Amino acid sequence: MNWKYRIEKAIIYILLILSVSPITLGYLWLLISSFSRKTEGLRSLGWTLGNWSFLSAPPFGRNYASIWLVTLNTLLVALTMTAIVVLVSSLAGYALSRMKFTGRKTFLSLTLILHAFPSVTLLIPIYFVLRWISKIPLVGRGMPLIGGFGFNTIGGVALVMVAFQLPFGIWIMKGFFDNISWDMERSALIDGASRFQVWRQIMMPNIKPGMASLAIFAFIYGWNAYLIPFTFTIGRAGKTAVLSVYLQNFQGDTVMTNWNMVTAVGLFQLIPVMLFFIFTQKYLLNIYGGGAKGGA
């Protein structure tokens, strides 16, 4: 019986290793290529640190922004999006989980449909909405750091990504609220607490794993976003929008692409995401705790 258990366990480990080996080899090649002049498979044909020269100076001349400015913009987009998504999703999730109102189930169904809707089909109407927001004084343009919430601004890009991420966030937070017992909430309401006080002081401390999980997913989505920043930023703002768009500068129609430097920039962009997974993986696993009880 002991040998049978060991054989079954060995088979599971072998299948697991075989399934993740292509991804592992891909990351290994990325690491080797970023420090090589050329590569032949996983073999380096000459080691160098020249591919990382973009850390000290823009590789395309003075007309281009440094990698650190682009990283700051990417961080602003990701953090702005994360803060709004977590706040709005927690408020909406609480209302949908604990309150009965007309159109509640219809709203839940619509949010699920919106989450499944391809973002590329909405790019044109979103463009006109952002152009309209750009005409609003103070809000559209001229805000510090994010530039505003109109077209061709960091805030506008974050606003669009928030809209696409909210349906997912609302469903996740509703699931966590459904799992919380009504006893504490009823006691607080009987003692005279308002709904907002119950949400802030009673409910929110009990769904910290859910908030952390949603924040991590939202941050990673904002950090790696490409289509929306590429579509809604132009000119110099487009070249310094986010890291994923910045990579476009390394590819041209008339100049040979330095793929080794591209892999170095890609690895640089990957480092924060890897650190997030390393230090927050226990919170990510807790996301499966939501949605087991309650229901719509």
C-alpha atoms as a PDB file:
ATOM      1  CA  MET A   1       0.000   0.000   0.000  1.00  0.00           C
ATOM      2  CA  ASN A   2       2.879   2.330   0.831  1.00  0.00           C
ATOM      3  CA  TRP A   3       4.576   1.667  -2.544  1.00  0.00           C
ATOM      4  CA  LYS A   4       1.304   2.291  -4.381  1.00  0.00           C
ATOM      5  CA  TYR A   5       0.917   5.642  -2.650  1.00  0.00           C
ATOM      6  CA  ARG A   6       4.495   6.619  -3.517  1.00  0.00           C
ATOM      7  CA  ILE A   7       4.041   5.670  -7.173  1.00  0.00           C
ATOM      8  CA  GLU A   8       0.832   7.703  -7.432  1.00  0.00           C
ATOM      9  CA  LYS A   9       2.535  10.662  -5.791  1.00  0.00           C
ATOM     10  CA  ALA A  10       5.539  10.370  -8.128  1.00  0.00           C
ATOM     11  CA  ILE A  11       3.256  10.303 -11.181  1.00  0.00           C
ATOM     12  CA  ILE A  12       1.505  13.455  -9.980  1.00  0.00           C
ATOM     13  CA  TYR A  13       4.823  15.266  -9.503  1.00  0.00           C
ATOM     14  CA  ILE A  14       6.093  14.141 -12.921  1.00  0.00           C
ATOM     15  CA  LEU A  15       2.928  15.390 -14.635  1.00  0.00           C
ATOM     16  CA  LEU A  16       3.172  18.671 -12.739  1.00  0.00           C
ATOM     17  CA  ILE A  17       6.821  19.150 -13.747  1.00  0.00           C
ATOM     18  CA  LEU A  18       6.039  18.343 -17.390  1.00  0.00           C
ATOM     19  CA  SER A  19       3.114  20.800 -17.443  1.00  0.00           C
ATOM     20  CA  VAL A  20       5.111  23.738 -16.053  1.00  0.00           C
ATOM     21  CA  SER A  21       8.392  23.022 -17.851  1.00  0.00           C
ATOM     22  CA  PRO A  22       7.510  25.070 -21.002  1.00  0.00           C
ATOM     23  CA  ILE A  23       6.764  28.128 -18.860  1.00  0.00           C
ATOM     24  CA  THR A  24       9.894  27.583 -16.759  1.00  0.00           C
ATOM     25  CA  LEU A  25      12.063  27.262 -19.877  1.00  0.00           C
ATOM     26  CA  GLY A  26      10.499  30.433 -21.283  1.00  0.00           C
ATOM     27  CA  TYR A  27      11.392  32.455 -18.194  1.00  0.00           C
ATOM     28  CA  LEU A  28      14.877  30.907 -18.160  1.00  0.00           C
ATOM     29  CA  TRP A  29      15.419  31.994 -21.775  1.00  0.00           C
ATOM     30  CA  LEU A  30      14.149  35.474 -20.900  1.00  0.00           C
ATOM     31  CA  LEU A  31      16.719  35.737 -18.113  1.00  0.00           C
ATOM     32  CA  ILE A  32      19.610  34.424 -20.246  1.00  0.00           C
ATOM     33  CA  SER A  33      18.698  36.565 -23.260  1.00  0.00           C
ATOM     34  CA  SER A  34      18.531  39.787 -21.219  1.00  0.00           C
ATOM     35  CA  PHE A  35      22.212  39.367 -20.281  1.00  0.00           C
ATOM     36  CA  SER A  36      23.442  38.128 -23.680  1.00  0.00           C
ATOM     37  CA  ARG A  37      24.540  39.686 -26.963  1.00  0.00           C
ATOM     38  CA  LYS A  38      23.016  36.747 -28.834  1.00  0.00           C
ATOM     39  CA  THR A  39      21.502  33.431 -27.869  1.00  0.00           C
ATOM     40  CA  GLU A  40      21.266  30.021 -29.470  1.00  0.00           C
ATOM     41  CA  GLY A  41      18.417  28.322 -27.694  1.00  0.00           C
ATOM     42  CA  LEU A  42      19.257  28.507 -23.995  1.00  0.00           C
ATOM     43  CA  ARG A  43      22.973  29.003 -24.708  1.00  0.00           C
ATOM     44  CA  SER A  44      24.437  32.483 -24.500  1.00  0.00           C
ATOM     45  CA  LEU A  45      26.869  33.527 -27.284  1.00  0.00           C
ATOM     46  CA  GLY A  46      28.359  36.337 -25.194  1.00  0.00           C
ATOM     47  CA  TRP A  47      27.441  37.851 -21.854  1.00  0.00           C
ATOM     48  CA  THR A  48      26.871  41.602 -21.495  1.00  0.00           C
ATOM     49  CA  LEU A  49      25.193  44.217 -19.302  1.00  0.00           C
ATOM     50  CA  GLY A  50      24.614  46.521 -22.283  1.00  0.00           C
ATOM     51  CA  ASN A  51      21.003  45.396 -22.652  1.00  0.00           C
ATOM     52  CA  TRP A  52      20.264  47.088 -19.319  1.00  0.00           C
ATOM     53  CA  SER A  53      21.652  50.478 -20.377  1.00  0.00           C
ATOM     54  CA  PHE A  54      18.072  51.820 -20.535  1.00  0.00           C
ATOM     55  CA  LEU A  55      18.160  52.051 -16.724  1.00  0.00           C
ATOM     56  CA  SER A  56      20.645  54.945 -16.855  1.00  0.00           C
ATOM     57  CA  ALA A  57      19.718  56.720 -20.115  1.00  0.00           C
ATOM     58  CA  PRO A  58      16.903  56.578 -22.720  1.00  0.00           C
ATOM     59  CA  PRO A  59      18.061  54.225 -25.511  1.00  0.00           C
ATOM     60  CA  PHE A  60      16.376  56.322 -28.238  1.00  0.00           C
ATOM     61  CA  GLY A  61      17.778  59.785 -27.516  1.00  0.00           C
ATOM     62  CA  ARG A  62      16.724  62.824 -25.520  1.00  0.00           C
ATOM     63  CA  ASN A  63      13.305  63.069 -27.172  1.00  0.00           C
ATOM     64  CA  TYR A  64      12.206  59.958 -25.299  1.00  0.00           C
ATOM     65  CA  ALA A  65      11.411  59.644 -21.623  1.00  0.00           C
ATOM     66  CA  SER A  66      13.512  57.630 -19.209  1.00  0.00           C
ATOM     67  CA  ILE A  67      12.362  54.219 -18.097  1.00  0.00           C
ATOM     68  CA  TRP A  68      11.874  55.558 -14.563  1.00  0.00           C
ATOM     69  CA  LEU A  69       9.306  58.161 -15.676  1.00  0.00           C
ATOM     70  CA  VAL A  70       7.418  55.487 -17.597  1.00  0.00           C
ATOM     71  CA  THR A  71       7.581  53.203 -14.551  1.00  0.00           C
ATOM     72  CA  LEU A  72       6.168  56.009 -12.396  1.00  0.00           C
ATOM     73  CA  ASN A  73       3.295  56.518 -14.850  1.00  0.00           C
ATOM     74  CA  THR A  74       2.599  52.784 -14.873  1.00  0.00           C
ATOM     75  CA  LEU A  75       2.600  52.748 -11.084  1.00  0.00           C
ATOM     76  CA  LEU A  76       0.183  55.700 -10.959  1.00  0.00           C
ATOM     77  CA  VAL A  77      -2.211  53.975 -13.371  1.00  0.00           C
ATOM     78  CA  ALA A  78      -2.093  50.711 -11.430  1.00  0.00           C
ATOM     79  CA  LEU A  79      -2.458  52.311  -7.987  1.00  0.00           C
ATOM     80  CA  THR A  80      -5.247  54.711  -9.053  1.00  0.00           C
ATOM     81  CA  MET A  81      -7.146  51.876 -10.659  1.00  0.00           C
ATOM     82  CA  THR A  82      -6.634  49.588  -7.668  1.00  0.00           C
ATOM     83  CA  ALA A  83      -7.843  52.165  -5.140  1.00  0.00           C
ATOM     84  CA  ILE A  84     -11.015  53.002  -7.095  1.00  0.00           C
ATOM     85  CA  VAL A  85     -11.846  49.374  -7.916  1.00  0.00           C
ATOM     86  CA  VAL A  86     -11.476  48.204  -4.290  1.00  0.00           C
ATOM     87  CA  LEU A  87     -13.486  51.121  -2.867  1.00  0.00           C
ATOM     88  CA  VAL A  88     -16.371  51.020  -5.349  1.00  0.00           C
ATOM     89  CA  SER A  89     -16.500  47.216  -5.462  1.00  0.00           C
ATOM     90  CA  SER A  90     -16.652  46.947  -1.662  1.00  0.00           C
ATOM     91  CA  LEU A  91     -19.505  49.473  -1.480  1.00  0.00           C
ATOM     92  CA  ALA A  92     -21.461  47.903  -4.337  1.00  0.00           C
ATOM     93  CA  GLY A  93     -20.743  44.364  -3.142  1.00  0.00           C
ATOM     94  CA  TYR A  94     -22.069  45.177   0.335  1.00  0.00           C
ATOM     95  CA  ALA A  95     -25.238  46.746  -1.047  1.00  0.00           C
ATOM     96  CA  LEU A  96     -25.914  43.797  -3.367  1.00  0.00           C
ATOM     97  CA  SER A  97     -25.214  41.240  -0.642  1.00  0.00           C
ATOM     98  CA  ARG A  98     -27.088  42.797   2.286  1.00  0.00           C
ATOM     99  CA  MET A  99     -29.838  44.994   0.847  1.00  0.00           C
ATOM    100  CA  LYS A 100     -32.991  44.189  -1.080  1.00  0.00           C
ATOM    101  CA  PHE A 101     -33.986  46.745  -3.700  1.00  0.00           C
ATOM    102  CA  THR A 102     -35.750  46.872  -7.041  1.00  0.00           C
ATOM    103  CA  GLY A 103     -33.559  45.765  -9.943  1.00  0.00           C
ATOM    104  CA  ARG A 104     -30.971  44.047  -7.756  1.00  0.00           C
ATOM    105  CA  LYS A 105     -30.880  40.769  -9.691  1.00  0.00           C
ATOM    106  CA  THR A 106     -31.022  42.618 -13.006  1.00  0.00           C
ATOM    107  CA  PHE A 107     -28.023  44.701 -11.970  1.00  0.00           C
ATOM    108  CA  LEU A 108     -26.104  41.542 -10.986  1.00  0.00           C
ATOM    109  CA  SER A 109     -26.873  39.971 -14.359  1.00  0.00           C
ATOM    110  CA  LEU A 110     -25.789  43.101 -16.223  1.00  0.00           C
ATOM    111  CA  THR A 111     -22.475  43.260 -14.351  1.00  0.00           C
ATOM    112  CA  LEU A 112     -21.780  39.659 -15.325  1.00  0.00           C
ATOM    113  CA  ILE A 113     -22.566  40.436 -18.964  1.00  0.00           C
ATOM    114  CA  LEU A 114     -20.343  43.527 -18.884  1.00  0.00           C
ATOM    115  CA  HIS A 115     -17.458  41.448 -17.533  1.00  0.00           C
ATOM    116  CA  ALA A 116     -17.802  39.063 -20.476  1.00  0.00           C
ATOM    117  CA  PHE A 117     -18.055  41.884 -23.044  1.00  0.00           C
ATOM    118  CA  PRO A 118     -14.904  42.223 -25.229  1.00  0.00           C
ATOM    119  CA  SER A 119     -13.229  45.535 -24.436  1.00  0.00           C
ATOM    120  CA  VAL A 120     -12.101  46.044 -28.029  1.00  0.00           C
ATOM    121  CA  THR A 121     -15.718  46.489 -29.184  1.00  0.00           C
ATOM    122  CA  LEU A 122     -16.145  49.544 -26.907  1.00  0.00           C
ATOM    123  CA  LEU A 123     -12.977  51.443 -27.867  1.00  0.00           C
ATOM    124  CA  ILE A 124     -14.693  53.884 -30.257  1.00  0.00           C
ATOM    125  CA  PRO A 125     -17.533  54.982 -27.902  1.00  0.00           C
ATOM    126  CA  ILE A 126     -15.034  55.230 -25.028  1.00  0.00           C
ATOM    127  CA  TYR A 127     -12.897  57.523 -27.187  1.00  0.00           C
ATOM    128  CA  PHE A 128     -15.802  59.960 -27.624  1.00  0.00           C
ATOM    129  CA  VAL A 129     -16.579  59.844 -23.895  1.00  0.00           C
ATOM    130  CA  LEU A 130     -12.970  60.683 -23.002  1.00  0.00           C
ATOM    131  CA  ARG A 131     -12.924  63.541 -25.535  1.00  0.00           C
ATOM    132  CA  TRP A 132     -16.069  64.928 -23.875  1.00  0.00           C
ATOM    133  CA  ILE A 133     -14.477  64.626 -20.406  1.00  0.00           C
ATOM    134  CA  SER A 134     -11.424  66.508 -21.698  1.00  0.00           C
ATOM    135  CA  LYS A 135     -13.606  69.608 -22.173  1.00  0.00           C
ATOM    136  CA  ILE A 136     -14.639  69.684 -18.488  1.00  0.00           C
ATOM    137  CA  PRO A 137     -12.558  72.280 -16.585  1.00  0.00           C
ATOM    138  CA  LEU A 138     -10.149  70.933 -13.944  1.00  0.00           C
ATOM    139  CA  VAL A 139     -11.438  67.359 -14.268  1.00  0.00           C
ATOM    140  CA  GLY A 140     -10.571  66.775 -17.911  1.00  0.00           C
ATOM    141  CA  ARG A 141      -7.032  68.188 -17.927  1.00  0.00           C
ATOM    142  CA  GLY A 142      -4.548  70.029 -15.770  1.00  0.00           C
ATOM    143  CA  MET A 143      -4.530  67.778 -12.708  1.00  0.00           C
ATOM    144  CA  PRO A 144      -1.151  67.064 -11.097  1.00  0.00           C
ATOM    145  CA  LEU A 145       0.544  63.687 -11.697  1.00  0.00           C
ATOM    146  CA  ILE A 146      -2.343  61.995 -13.543  1.00  0.00           C
ATOM    147  CA  GLY A 147      -3.073  64.913 -15.923  1.00  0.00           C
ATOM    148  CA  GLY A 148      -6.846  64.570 -15.584  1.00  0.00           C
ATOM    149  CA  PHE A 149      -9.494  62.062 -16.629  1.00  0.00           C
ATOM    150  CA  GLY A 150      -9.878  62.988 -20.289  1.00  0.00           C
ATOM    151  CA  PHE A 151      -8.343  61.690 -23.496  1.00  0.00           C
ATOM    152  CA  ASN A 152      -4.552  61.338 -23.634  1.00  0.00           C
ATOM    153  CA  THR A 153      -4.095  61.464 -19.844  1.00  0.00           C
ATOM    154  CA  ILE A 154      -2.914  58.927 -17.279  1.00  0.00           C
ATOM    155  CA  GLY A 155      -6.125  59.424 -15.278  1.00  0.00           C
ATOM    156  CA  GLY A 156      -8.251  58.782 -18.365  1.00  0.00           C
ATOM    157  CA  VAL A 157      -6.478  55.495 -19.013  1.00  0.00           C
ATOM    158  CA  ALA A 158      -6.966  54.464 -15.370  1.00  0.00           C
ATOM    159  CA  LEU A 159     -10.659  55.449 -15.514  1.00  0.00           C
ATOM    160  CA  VAL A 160     -11.307  53.218 -18.531  1.00  0.00           C
ATOM    161  CA  MET A 161      -9.527  50.262 -16.956  1.00  0.00           C
ATOM    162  CA  VAL A 162     -11.547  50.788 -13.766  1.00  0.00           C
ATOM    163  CA  ALA A 163     -14.765  50.531 -15.789  1.00  0.00           C
ATOM    164  CA  PHE A 164     -13.692  47.196 -17.271  1.00  0.00           C
ATOM    165  CA  GLN A 165     -12.501  45.789 -13.931  1.00  0.00           C
ATOM    166  CA  LEU A 166     -15.457  46.835 -11.748  1.00  0.00           C
ATOM    167  CA  PRO A 167     -17.887  44.029 -12.766  1.00  0.00           C
ATOM    168  CA  PHE A 168     -15.326  41.410 -11.746  1.00  0.00           C
ATOM    169  CA  GLY A 169     -14.558  43.269  -8.517  1.00  0.00           C
ATOM    170  CA  ILE A 170     -18.223  43.651  -7.554  1.00  0.00           C
ATOM    171  CA  TRP A 171     -18.910  39.939  -7.941  1.00  0.00           C
ATOM    172  CA  ILE A 172     -15.801  39.007  -5.954  1.00  0.00           C
ATOM    173  CA  MET A 173     -16.638  41.355  -3.071  1.00  0.00           C
ATOM    174  CA  LYS A 174     -20.289  40.266  -3.015  1.00  0.00           C
ATOM    175  CA  GLY A 175     -19.130  36.687  -2.561  1.00  0.00           C
ATOM    176  CA  PHE A 176     -17.025  37.613   0.465  1.00  0.00           C
ATOM    177  CA  PHE A 177     -19.858  39.631   2.026  1.00  0.00           C
ATOM    178  CA  ASP A 178     -22.224  36.674   1.504  1.00  0.00           C
ATOM    179  CA  ASN A 179     -19.936  34.536   3.678  1.00  0.00           C
ATOM    180  CA  ILE A 180     -20.141  36.850   6.696  1.00  0.00           C
ATOM    181  CA  SER A 181     -22.714  35.981   9.361  1.00  0.00           C
ATOM    182  CA  TRP A 182     -25.626  38.360   9.895  1.00  0.00           C
ATOM    183  CA  ASP A 183     -25.278  38.200  13.696  1.00  0.00           C
ATOM    184  CA  MET A 184     -22.671  40.941  14.125  1.00  0.00           C
ATOM    185  CA  GLU A 185     -24.396  43.165  11.600  1.00  0.00           C
ATOM    186  CA  ARG A 186     -27.807  42.806  13.251  1.00  0.00           C
ATOM    187  CA  SER A 187     -26.313  43.567  16.669  1.00  0.00           C
ATOM    188  CA  ALA A 188     -24.678  46.740  15.355  1.00  0.00           C
ATOM    189  CA  LEU A 189     -27.907  47.884  13.631  1.00  0.00           C
ATOM    190  CA  ILE A 190     -29.925  47.267  16.804  1.00  0.00           C
ATOM    191  CA  ASP A 191     -27.419  49.358  18.788  1.00  0.00           C
ATOM    192  CA  GLY A 192     -28.100  52.284  16.446  1.00  0.00           C
ATOM    193  CA  ALA A 193     -25.228  52.050  13.962  1.00  0.00           C
ATOM    194  CA  SER A 194     -25.872  53.295  10.452  1.00  0.00           C
ATOM    195  CA  ARG A 195     -25.388  51.175   7.356  1.00  0.00           C
ATOM    196  CA  PHE A 196     -22.184  53.052   6.539  1.00  0.00           C
ATOM    197  CA  GLN A 197     -20.816  52.487  10.049  1.00  0.00           C
ATOM    198  CA  VAL A 198     -21.629  48.788   9.799  1.00  0.00           C
ATOM    199  CA  TRP A 199     -19.862  48.588   6.425  1.00  0.00           C
ATOM    200  CA  ARG A 200     -16.764  50.450   7.619  1.00  0.00           C
ATOM    201  CA  GLN A 201     -16.371  49.176  11.184  1.00  0.00           C
ATOM    202  CA  ILE A 202     -17.904  45.689  11.119  1.00  0.00           C
ATOM    203  CA  MET A 203     -17.836  44.303   7.593  1.00  0.00           C
ATOM    204  CA  MET A 204     -14.614  45.652   6.109  1.00  0.00           C
ATOM    205  CA  PRO A 205     -12.285  44.246   8.830  1.00  0.00           C
ATOM    206  CA  ASN A 206     -13.806  40.796   8.200  1.00  0.00           C
ATOM    207  CA  ILE A 207     -13.113  40.744   4.453  1.00  0.00           C
ATOM    208  CA  LYS A 208      -9.460  41.816   4.455  1.00  0.00           C
ATOM    209  CA  PRO A 209      -8.422  38.693   2.484  1.00  0.00           C
ATOM    210  CA  GLY A 210     -10.984  39.567  -0.182  1.00  0.00           C
ATOM    211  CA  MET A 211      -9.832  43.176  -0.366  1.00  0.00           C
ATOM    212  CA  ALA A 212      -6.202  42.070  -0.611  1.00  0.00           C
ATOM    213  CA  SER A 213      -6.975  39.535  -3.338  1.00  0.00           C
ATOM    214  CA  LEU A 214      -8.972  42.024  -5.404  1.00  0.00           C
ATOM    215  CA  ALA A 215      -6.288  44.699  -4.948  1.00  0.00           C
ATOM    216  CA  ILE A 216      -3.605  42.313  -6.192  1.00  0.00           C
ATOM    217  CA  PHE A 217      -5.588  41.277  -9.259  1.00  0.00           C
ATOM    218  CA  ALA A 218      -6.471  44.897 -10.063  1.00  0.00           C
ATOM    219  CA  PHE A 219      -2.866  46.044  -9.654  1.00  0.00           C
ATOM    220  CA  ILE A 220      -1.513  43.296 -11.915  1.00  0.00           C
ATOM    221  CA  TYR A 221      -4.177  44.068 -14.526  1.00  0.00           C
ATOM    222  CA  GLY A 222      -3.284  47.764 -14.444  1.00  0.00           C
ATOM    223  CA  TRP A 223       0.459  47.118 -14.470  1.00  0.00           C
ATOM    224  CA  ASN A 224       0.332  44.816 -17.513  1.00  0.00           C
ATOM    225  CA  ALA A 225      -2.347  46.685 -19.502  1.00  0.00           C
ATOM    226  CA  TYR A 226      -1.514  47.398 -23.134  1.00  0.00           C
ATOM    227  CA  LEU A 227      -4.561  47.838 -25.380  1.00  0.00           C
ATOM    228  CA  ILE A 228      -6.247  50.674 -23.470  1.00  0.00           C
ATOM    229  CA  PRO A 229      -3.096  52.789 -22.823  1.00  0.00           C
ATOM    230  CA  PHE A 230      -1.966  52.273 -26.426  1.00  0.00           C
ATOM    231  CA  THR A 231      -5.374  53.299 -27.805  1.00  0.00           C
ATOM    232  CA  PHE A 232      -6.121  56.335 -25.642  1.00  0.00           C
ATOM    233  CA  THR A 233      -2.692  58.023 -25.500  1.00  0.00           C
ATOM    234  CA  ILE A 234      -0.934  59.681 -28.418  1.00  0.00           C
ATOM    235  CA  GLY A 235       2.246  61.678 -29.065  1.00  0.00           C
ATOM    236  CA  ARG A 236       4.706  62.100 -26.222  1.00  0.00           C
ATOM    237  CA  ALA A 237       2.088  61.020 -23.674  1.00  0.00           C
ATOM    238  CA  GLY A 238       1.707  57.778 -25.574  1.00  0.00           C
ATOM    239  CA  LYS A 239       5.424  57.091 -25.555  1.00  0.00           C
ATOM    240  CA  THR A 240       5.569  57.562 -21.790  1.00  0.00           C
ATOM    241  CA  ALA A 241       2.161  56.065 -20.910  1.00  0.00           C
ATOM    242  CA  VAL A 242       3.000  52.670 -19.433  1.00  0.00           C
ATOM    243  CA  LEU A 243       5.773  50.097 -19.711  1.00  0.00           C
ATOM    244  CA  SER A 244       3.859  47.806 -22.061  1.00  0.00           C
ATOM    245  CA  VAL A 245       3.427  50.678 -24.555  1.00  0.00           C
ATOM    246  CA  TYR A 246       7.020  51.828 -24.000  1.00  0.00           C
ATOM    247  CA  LEU A 247       8.172  48.494 -25.416  1.00  0.00           C
ATOM    248  CA  GLN A 248       6.756  49.583 -28.791  1.00  0.00           C
ATOM    249  CA  ASN A 249       9.629  52.060 -29.092  1.00  0.00           C
ATOM    250  CA  PHE A 250      12.074  49.171 -29.476  1.00  0.00           C
ATOM    251  CA  GLN A 251      10.395  47.974 -32.671  1.00  0.00           C
ATOM    252  CA  GLY A 252      10.555  49.938 -35.911  1.00  0.00           C
ATOM    253  CA  ASP A 253      10.005  49.446 -39.640  1.00  0.00           C
ATOM    254  CA  THR A 254      13.429  50.742 -40.677  1.00  0.00           C
ATOM    255  CA  VAL A 255      15.634  49.783 -37.704  1.00  0.00           C
ATOM    256  CA  MET A 256      16.535  46.247 -36.649  1.00  0.00           C
ATOM    257  CA  THR A 257      14.925  45.327 -33.350  1.00  0.00           C
ATOM    258  CA  ASN A 258      17.307  44.610 -30.490  1.00  0.00           C
ATOM    259  CA  TRP A 259      15.401  41.663 -29.064  1.00  0.00           C
ATOM    260  CA  ASN A 260      17.894  41.171 -26.250  1.00  0.00           C
ATOM    261  CA  MET A 261      17.149  44.662 -24.954  1.00  0.00           C
ATOM    262  CA  VAL A 262      13.429  43.994 -25.410  1.00  0.00           C
ATOM    263  CA  THR A 263      13.743  40.932 -23.174  1.00  0.00           C
ATOM    264  CA  ALA A 264      15.633  43.043 -20.606  1.00  0.00           C
ATOM    265  CA  VAL A 265      12.807  45.626 -20.509  1.00  0.00           C
ATOM    266  CA  GLY A 266      10.263  42.813 -20.326  1.00  0.00           C
ATOM    267  CA  LEU A 267      12.124  41.284 -17.387  1.00  0.00           C
ATOM    268  CA  PHE A 268      12.277  44.712 -15.732  1.00  0.00           C
ATOM    269  CA  GLN A 269       8.495  45.015 -16.095  1.00  0.00           C
ATOM    270  CA  LEU A 270       8.044  41.504 -14.727  1.00  0.00           C
ATOM    271  CA  ILE A 271       9.989  42.071 -11.488  1.00  0.00           C
ATOM    272  CA  PRO A 272       7.196  43.920  -9.538  1.00  0.00           C
ATOM    273  CA  VAL A 273       4.632  41.286 -10.557  1.00  0.00           C
ATOM    274  CA  MET A 274       6.926  38.474  -9.406  1.00  0.00           C
ATOM    275  CA  LEU A 275       7.462  40.239  -6.070  1.00  0.00           C
ATOM    276  CA  PHE A 276       3.691  40.641  -5.690  1.00  0.00           C
ATOM    277  CA  PHE A 277       3.148  36.918  -6.219  1.00  0.00           C
ATOM    278  CA  ILE A 278       5.944  35.968  -3.822  1.00  0.00           C
ATOM    279  CA  PHE A 279       4.752  38.135  -0.914  1.00  0.00           C
ATOM    280  CA  THR A 280       0.982  37.951  -1.422  1.00  0.00           C
ATOM    281  CA  GLN A 281       0.285  34.441  -2.703  1.00  0.00           C
ATOM    282  CA  LYS A 282      -1.500  33.473   0.536  1.00  0.00           C
ATOM    283  CA  TYR A 283      -3.978  36.318  -0.037  1.00  0.00           C
ATOM    284  CA  LEU A 284      -4.511  35.242  -3.643  1.00  0.00           C
ATOM    285  CA  LEU A 285      -5.493  31.754  -2.495  1.00  0.00           C
ATOM    286  CA  ASN A 286      -8.105  33.253  -0.152  1.00  0.00           C
ATOM    287  CA  ILE A 287     -10.095  34.561  -3.119  1.00  0.00           C
ATOM    288  CA  TYR A 288     -11.655  31.128  -3.460  1.00  0.00           C
ATOM    289  CA  GLY A 289     -13.293  31.626  -0.066  1.00  0.00           C
ATOM    290  CA  GLY A 290     -15.863  33.997  -1.568  1.00  0.00           C
ATOM    291  CA  GLY A 291     -19.164  33.163  -3.140  1.00  0.00           C
ATOM    292  CA  ALA A 292     -19.887  29.905  -1.290  1.00  0.00           C
ATOM    293  CA  LYS A 293     -22.921  31.087   0.638  1.00  0.00           C
ATOM    294  CA  GLY A 294     -25.712  33.575   0.254  1.00  0.00           C
ATOM    295  CA  GLY A 295     -26.178  33.930  -3.472  1.00  0.00           C
ATOM    296  CA  ALA A 296     -28.167  36.381  -5.502  1.00  0.00           C
END
